[in-house]
Amino acid sequence: MRLFSSLKSILKCFSRLSSYRNKSYLWDVPKGHLRVYIGETEKRRFVVLISYLEQPLFQNLLRESEEEFGFDHSMGGLTLSCQEDMFFQLTTVLHSYSYS
């Protein structure tokens, strides 16, 4: 239940931040996707499917990231606590679940 309320707060935060962005910036993230920032020292931006939020593997990563970073970011996306190579592995697995 706590995760559901966290997900609701994430989506509210995105809609609030979106209202402050100019229109050209909004178009670089397709409908049904969200921005995430990955990396230990230098954060790289990635765009992932919103449906990943429903996946248990991604939810575990969200819980860890919430404890470390919280969900309210000025960059307009989620900052996730993992290394890029682990993130690539995770998204590869989630992508295969999405299309199987």
N, C-alpha and C. Protein backbone atom coordinates (compact mmCIF):
# COMPACT_ATOMS: atom_id res chain seq x y z
N MET A 1 0.82 -1.19 0.00
CA MET A 1 0.00 0.00 0.00
C MET A 1 0.87 1.26 0.00
N ARG A 2 1.98 1.21 0.76
CA ARG A 2 2.86 2.36 0.82
C ARG A 2 3.47 2.65 -0.54
N LEU A 3 3.81 1.58 -1.29
CA LEU A 3 4.38 1.76 -2.61
C LEU A 3 3.37 2.42 -3.54
N PHE A 4 2.09 2.03 -3.44
CA PHE A 4 1.05 2.64 -4.28
C PHE A 4 0.97 4.13 -4.01
N SER A 5 1.01 4.53 -2.74
CA SER A 5 0.94 5.97 -2.44
C SER A 5 2.20 6.67 -2.92
N SER A 6 3.36 5.98 -2.89
CA SER A 6 4.59 6.56 -3.42
C SER A 6 4.48 6.75 -4.92
N LEU A 7 3.92 5.77 -5.61
CA LEU A 7 3.75 5.89 -7.06
C LEU A 7 2.81 7.04 -7.40
N LYS A 8 1.74 7.20 -6.60
CA LYS A 8 0.83 8.31 -6.83
C LYS A 8 1.55 9.64 -6.64
N SER A 9 2.42 9.73 -5.62
CA SER A 9 3.14 10.97 -5.39
C SER A 9 4.13 11.25 -6.51
N ILE A 10 4.72 10.19 -7.09
CA ILE A 10 5.63 10.36 -8.22
C ILE A 10 4.88 10.97 -9.39
N LEU A 11 3.73 10.39 -9.71
CA LEU A 11 2.95 10.88 -10.84
C LEU A 11 2.47 12.31 -10.62
N LYS A 12 2.09 12.65 -9.39
CA LYS A 12 1.70 14.04 -9.09
C LYS A 12 2.87 14.98 -9.30
N CYS A 13 4.05 14.54 -8.84
CA CYS A 13 5.26 15.35 -8.98
C CYS A 13 5.55 15.59 -10.46
N PHE A 14 5.43 14.54 -11.30
CA PHE A 14 5.67 14.68 -12.73
C PHE A 14 4.69 15.65 -13.37
N SER A 15 3.42 15.55 -13.00
CA SER A 15 2.45 16.44 -13.61
C SER A 15 2.70 17.89 -13.17
N ARG A 16 3.10 18.07 -11.92
CA ARG A 16 3.40 19.42 -11.43
C ARG A 16 4.63 19.98 -12.15
N LEU A 17 5.68 19.15 -12.29
CA LEU A 17 6.88 19.61 -12.98
C LEU A 17 6.62 19.86 -14.45
N SER A 18 5.77 19.06 -15.05
CA SER A 18 5.47 19.23 -16.47
C SER A 18 4.83 20.58 -16.75
N SER A 19 4.06 21.07 -15.83
CA SER A 19 3.41 22.37 -16.03
C SER A 19 4.43 23.50 -16.06
N TYR A 20 5.62 23.29 -15.50
CA TYR A 20 6.65 24.32 -15.48
C TYR A 20 7.59 24.24 -16.68
N ARG A 21 7.56 23.16 -17.41
CA ARG A 21 8.48 22.95 -18.53
C ARG A 21 7.92 23.61 -19.79
N ASN A 22 8.85 24.01 -20.68
CA ASN A 22 8.35 24.54 -21.95
C ASN A 22 7.94 23.39 -22.86
N LYS A 23 7.16 23.68 -23.87
CA LYS A 23 6.57 22.62 -24.69
C LYS A 23 7.61 21.82 -25.45
N SER A 24 8.67 22.42 -25.91
CA SER A 24 9.67 21.65 -26.66
C SER A 24 10.35 20.62 -25.77
N TYR A 25 10.51 20.92 -24.51
CA TYR A 25 11.13 19.97 -23.58
C TYR A 25 10.21 18.80 -23.30
N LEU A 26 8.92 19.04 -23.24
CA LEU A 26 7.96 17.97 -22.96
C LEU A 26 7.92 16.93 -24.07
N TRP A 27 8.12 17.33 -25.29
CA TRP A 27 7.96 16.42 -26.41
C TRP A 27 9.08 15.39 -26.50
N ASP A 28 10.17 15.56 -25.79
CA ASP A 28 11.26 14.59 -25.91
C ASP A 28 11.00 13.32 -25.09
N VAL A 29 9.93 13.28 -24.31
CA VAL A 29 9.55 12.07 -23.58
C VAL A 29 8.18 11.64 -24.11
N PRO A 30 8.14 10.51 -24.82
CA PRO A 30 6.88 10.08 -25.42
C PRO A 30 5.82 9.76 -24.36
N LYS A 31 4.58 9.86 -24.76
CA LYS A 31 3.47 9.51 -23.89
C LYS A 31 3.64 8.06 -23.44
N GLY A 32 3.41 7.79 -22.15
CA GLY A 32 3.55 6.44 -21.62
C GLY A 32 4.96 6.13 -21.13
N HIS A 33 5.82 7.14 -21.07
CA HIS A 33 7.20 6.97 -20.64
C HIS A 33 7.54 7.99 -19.55
N LEU A 34 8.66 7.78 -18.87
CA LEU A 34 9.13 8.75 -17.89
C LEU A 34 10.65 8.80 -17.91
N ARG A 35 11.18 9.91 -17.42
CA ARG A 35 12.62 10.10 -17.34
C ARG A 35 13.16 9.51 -16.05
N VAL A 36 14.31 8.86 -16.16
CA VAL A 36 15.03 8.41 -14.97
C VAL A 36 16.48 8.82 -15.13
N TYR A 37 17.14 9.05 -14.00
CA TYR A 37 18.55 9.42 -13.99
C TYR A 37 19.31 8.33 -13.26
N ILE A 38 20.36 7.83 -13.91
CA ILE A 38 21.14 6.69 -13.43
C ILE A 38 22.60 7.08 -13.36
N GLY A 39 23.30 6.54 -12.39
CA GLY A 39 24.74 6.73 -12.30
C GLY A 39 25.14 7.10 -10.89
N GLU A 40 26.36 6.75 -10.55
CA GLU A 40 26.81 7.01 -9.19
C GLU A 40 27.36 8.42 -9.03
N THR A 41 28.23 8.86 -9.95
CA THR A 41 28.77 10.21 -9.82
C THR A 41 28.13 11.16 -10.83
N GLU A 42 28.15 10.77 -12.09
CA GLU A 42 27.53 11.57 -13.13
C GLU A 42 26.23 10.90 -13.56
N LYS A 43 25.15 11.61 -13.44
CA LYS A 43 23.82 11.05 -13.75
C LYS A 43 23.55 11.14 -15.26
N ARG A 44 23.18 10.00 -15.85
CA ARG A 44 22.75 9.95 -17.24
C ARG A 44 21.25 9.79 -17.29
N ARG A 45 20.65 10.43 -18.26
CA ARG A 45 19.20 10.43 -18.40
C ARG A 45 18.76 9.32 -19.34
N PHE A 46 17.71 8.58 -18.93
CA PHE A 46 17.12 7.53 -19.74
C PHE A 46 15.61 7.72 -19.72
N VAL A 47 14.94 7.18 -20.73
CA VAL A 47 13.49 7.22 -20.81
C VAL A 47 13.00 5.78 -20.80
N VAL A 48 12.09 5.47 -19.87
CA VAL A 48 11.58 4.10 -19.73
C VAL A 48 10.05 4.11 -19.78
N LEU A 49 9.50 2.95 -20.04
CA LEU A 49 8.04 2.78 -20.07
C LEU A 49 7.45 2.96 -18.67
N ILE A 50 6.34 3.63 -18.57
CA ILE A 50 5.65 3.78 -17.28
C ILE A 50 5.22 2.42 -16.74
N SER A 51 4.94 1.48 -17.63
CA SER A 51 4.52 0.14 -17.18
C SER A 51 5.57 -0.54 -16.32
N TYR A 52 6.83 -0.09 -16.40
CA TYR A 52 7.88 -0.66 -15.53
C TYR A 52 7.56 -0.42 -14.06
N LEU A 53 6.80 0.63 -13.76
CA LEU A 53 6.46 0.94 -12.36
C LEU A 53 5.65 -0.19 -11.72
N GLU A 54 5.00 -1.01 -12.52
CA GLU A 54 4.20 -2.12 -11.99
C GLU A 54 5.02 -3.39 -11.74
N GLN A 55 6.24 -3.44 -12.25
CA GLN A 55 7.06 -4.64 -12.16
C GLN A 55 7.77 -4.73 -10.80
N PRO A 56 7.72 -5.90 -10.14
CA PRO A 56 8.35 -6.05 -8.82
C PRO A 56 9.84 -5.71 -8.80
N LEU A 57 10.58 -6.06 -9.85
CA LEU A 57 12.01 -5.74 -9.88
C LEU A 57 12.23 -4.23 -9.87
N PHE A 58 11.45 -3.52 -10.64
CA PHE A 58 11.57 -2.07 -10.70
C PHE A 58 11.08 -1.43 -9.40
N GLN A 59 10.05 -2.02 -8.80
CA GLN A 59 9.54 -1.50 -7.53
C GLN A 59 10.59 -1.62 -6.42
N ASN A 60 11.36 -2.71 -6.43
CA ASN A 60 12.45 -2.85 -5.45
C ASN A 60 13.46 -1.72 -5.62
N LEU A 61 13.81 -1.44 -6.86
CA LEU A 61 14.74 -0.36 -7.14
C LEU A 61 14.16 0.98 -6.70
N LEU A 62 12.87 1.18 -6.91
CA LEU A 62 12.21 2.41 -6.47
C LEU A 62 12.27 2.58 -4.95
N ARG A 63 12.04 1.48 -4.22
CA ARG A 63 12.10 1.55 -2.75
C ARG A 63 13.49 1.97 -2.28
N GLU A 64 14.51 1.34 -2.85
CA GLU A 64 15.89 1.70 -2.48
C GLU A 64 16.18 3.16 -2.81
N SER A 65 15.73 3.59 -3.97
CA SER A 65 15.98 4.96 -4.41
C SER A 65 15.23 5.98 -3.57
N GLU A 66 14.01 5.63 -3.15
CA GLU A 66 13.24 6.53 -2.30
C GLU A 66 13.97 6.77 -0.99
N GLU A 67 14.53 5.71 -0.42
CA GLU A 67 15.27 5.85 0.83
C GLU A 67 16.50 6.72 0.66
N GLU A 68 17.17 6.58 -0.49
CA GLU A 68 18.41 7.32 -0.71
C GLU A 68 18.18 8.75 -1.20
N PHE A 69 17.24 8.94 -2.14
CA PHE A 69 17.08 10.24 -2.79
C PHE A 69 15.74 10.91 -2.54
N GLY A 70 14.70 10.16 -2.18
CA GLY A 70 13.36 10.72 -2.17
C GLY A 70 12.84 10.80 -3.60
N PHE A 71 11.67 11.38 -3.82
CA PHE A 71 11.09 11.41 -5.17
C PHE A 71 10.89 12.81 -5.72
N ASP A 72 11.18 13.85 -4.98
CA ASP A 72 10.95 15.21 -5.45
C ASP A 72 12.27 15.77 -5.99
N HIS A 73 12.40 15.83 -7.33
CA HIS A 73 13.66 16.25 -7.93
C HIS A 73 13.44 17.43 -8.87
N SER A 74 14.38 18.34 -8.83
CA SER A 74 14.30 19.51 -9.71
C SER A 74 14.59 19.16 -11.16
N MET A 75 15.24 18.01 -11.42
CA MET A 75 15.56 17.62 -12.79
C MET A 75 14.33 17.11 -13.52
N GLY A 76 13.24 16.81 -12.84
CA GLY A 76 12.02 16.38 -13.49
C GLY A 76 11.94 14.92 -13.80
N GLY A 77 12.71 14.10 -13.15
CA GLY A 77 12.66 12.66 -13.36
C GLY A 77 13.06 11.96 -12.08
N LEU A 78 13.02 10.66 -12.12
CA LEU A 78 13.43 9.87 -10.96
C LEU A 78 14.94 9.65 -10.97
N THR A 79 15.57 9.78 -9.83
CA THR A 79 16.96 9.40 -9.70
C THR A 79 16.98 8.03 -9.04
N LEU A 80 17.56 7.06 -9.73
CA LEU A 80 17.56 5.69 -9.25
C LEU A 80 18.95 5.30 -8.75
N SER A 81 18.98 4.58 -7.65
CA SER A 81 20.24 4.21 -7.03
C SER A 81 20.74 2.88 -7.57
N CYS A 82 21.41 2.95 -8.71
CA CYS A 82 22.05 1.76 -9.27
C CYS A 82 23.08 2.19 -10.30
N GLN A 83 23.95 1.26 -10.63
CA GLN A 83 24.95 1.51 -11.66
C GLN A 83 24.31 1.30 -13.03
N GLU A 84 24.89 1.92 -14.04
CA GLU A 84 24.32 1.84 -15.38
C GLU A 84 24.23 0.40 -15.89
N ASP A 85 25.27 -0.39 -15.68
CA ASP A 85 25.23 -1.76 -16.20
C ASP A 85 24.12 -2.58 -15.55
N MET A 86 23.88 -2.36 -14.25
CA MET A 86 22.77 -3.05 -13.59
C MET A 86 21.43 -2.57 -14.14
N PHE A 87 21.33 -1.27 -14.41
CA PHE A 87 20.10 -0.71 -14.97
C PHE A 87 19.83 -1.30 -16.35
N PHE A 88 20.86 -1.44 -17.18
CA PHE A 88 20.69 -2.04 -18.51
C PHE A 88 20.20 -3.48 -18.39
N GLN A 89 20.76 -4.22 -17.47
CA GLN A 89 20.31 -5.61 -17.26
C GLN A 89 18.85 -5.64 -16.83
N LEU A 90 18.50 -4.79 -15.89
CA LEU A 90 17.13 -4.74 -15.39
C LEU A 90 16.15 -4.38 -16.51
N THR A 91 16.46 -3.35 -17.28
CA THR A 91 15.54 -2.94 -18.34
C THR A 91 15.45 -3.99 -19.45
N THR A 92 16.52 -4.73 -19.68
CA THR A 92 16.47 -5.82 -20.66
C THR A 92 15.49 -6.89 -20.21
N VAL A 93 15.54 -7.23 -18.93
CA VAL A 93 14.61 -8.22 -18.38
C VAL A 93 13.18 -7.69 -18.44
N LEU A 94 12.98 -6.45 -18.02
CA LEU A 94 11.63 -5.86 -18.02
C LEU A 94 11.08 -5.74 -19.43
N HIS A 95 11.93 -5.41 -20.36
CA HIS A 95 11.51 -5.29 -21.76
C HIS A 95 11.03 -6.64 -22.29
N SER A 96 11.74 -7.71 -21.91
CA SER A 96 11.33 -9.04 -22.38
C SER A 96 10.00 -9.44 -21.74
N TYR A 97 9.74 -9.02 -20.48
CA TYR A 97 8.44 -9.29 -19.85
C TYR A 97 7.33 -8.51 -20.54
N SER A 98 7.62 -7.29 -20.95
CA SER A 98 6.61 -6.43 -21.57
C SER A 98 6.11 -6.98 -22.89
N TYR A 99 6.98 -7.66 -23.61
CA TYR A 99 6.62 -8.13 -24.95
C TYR A 99 6.49 -9.64 -25.05
N SER A 100 6.39 -10.32 -23.91
CA SER A 100 6.21 -11.78 -23.98
C SER A 100 4.76 -12.16 -23.80
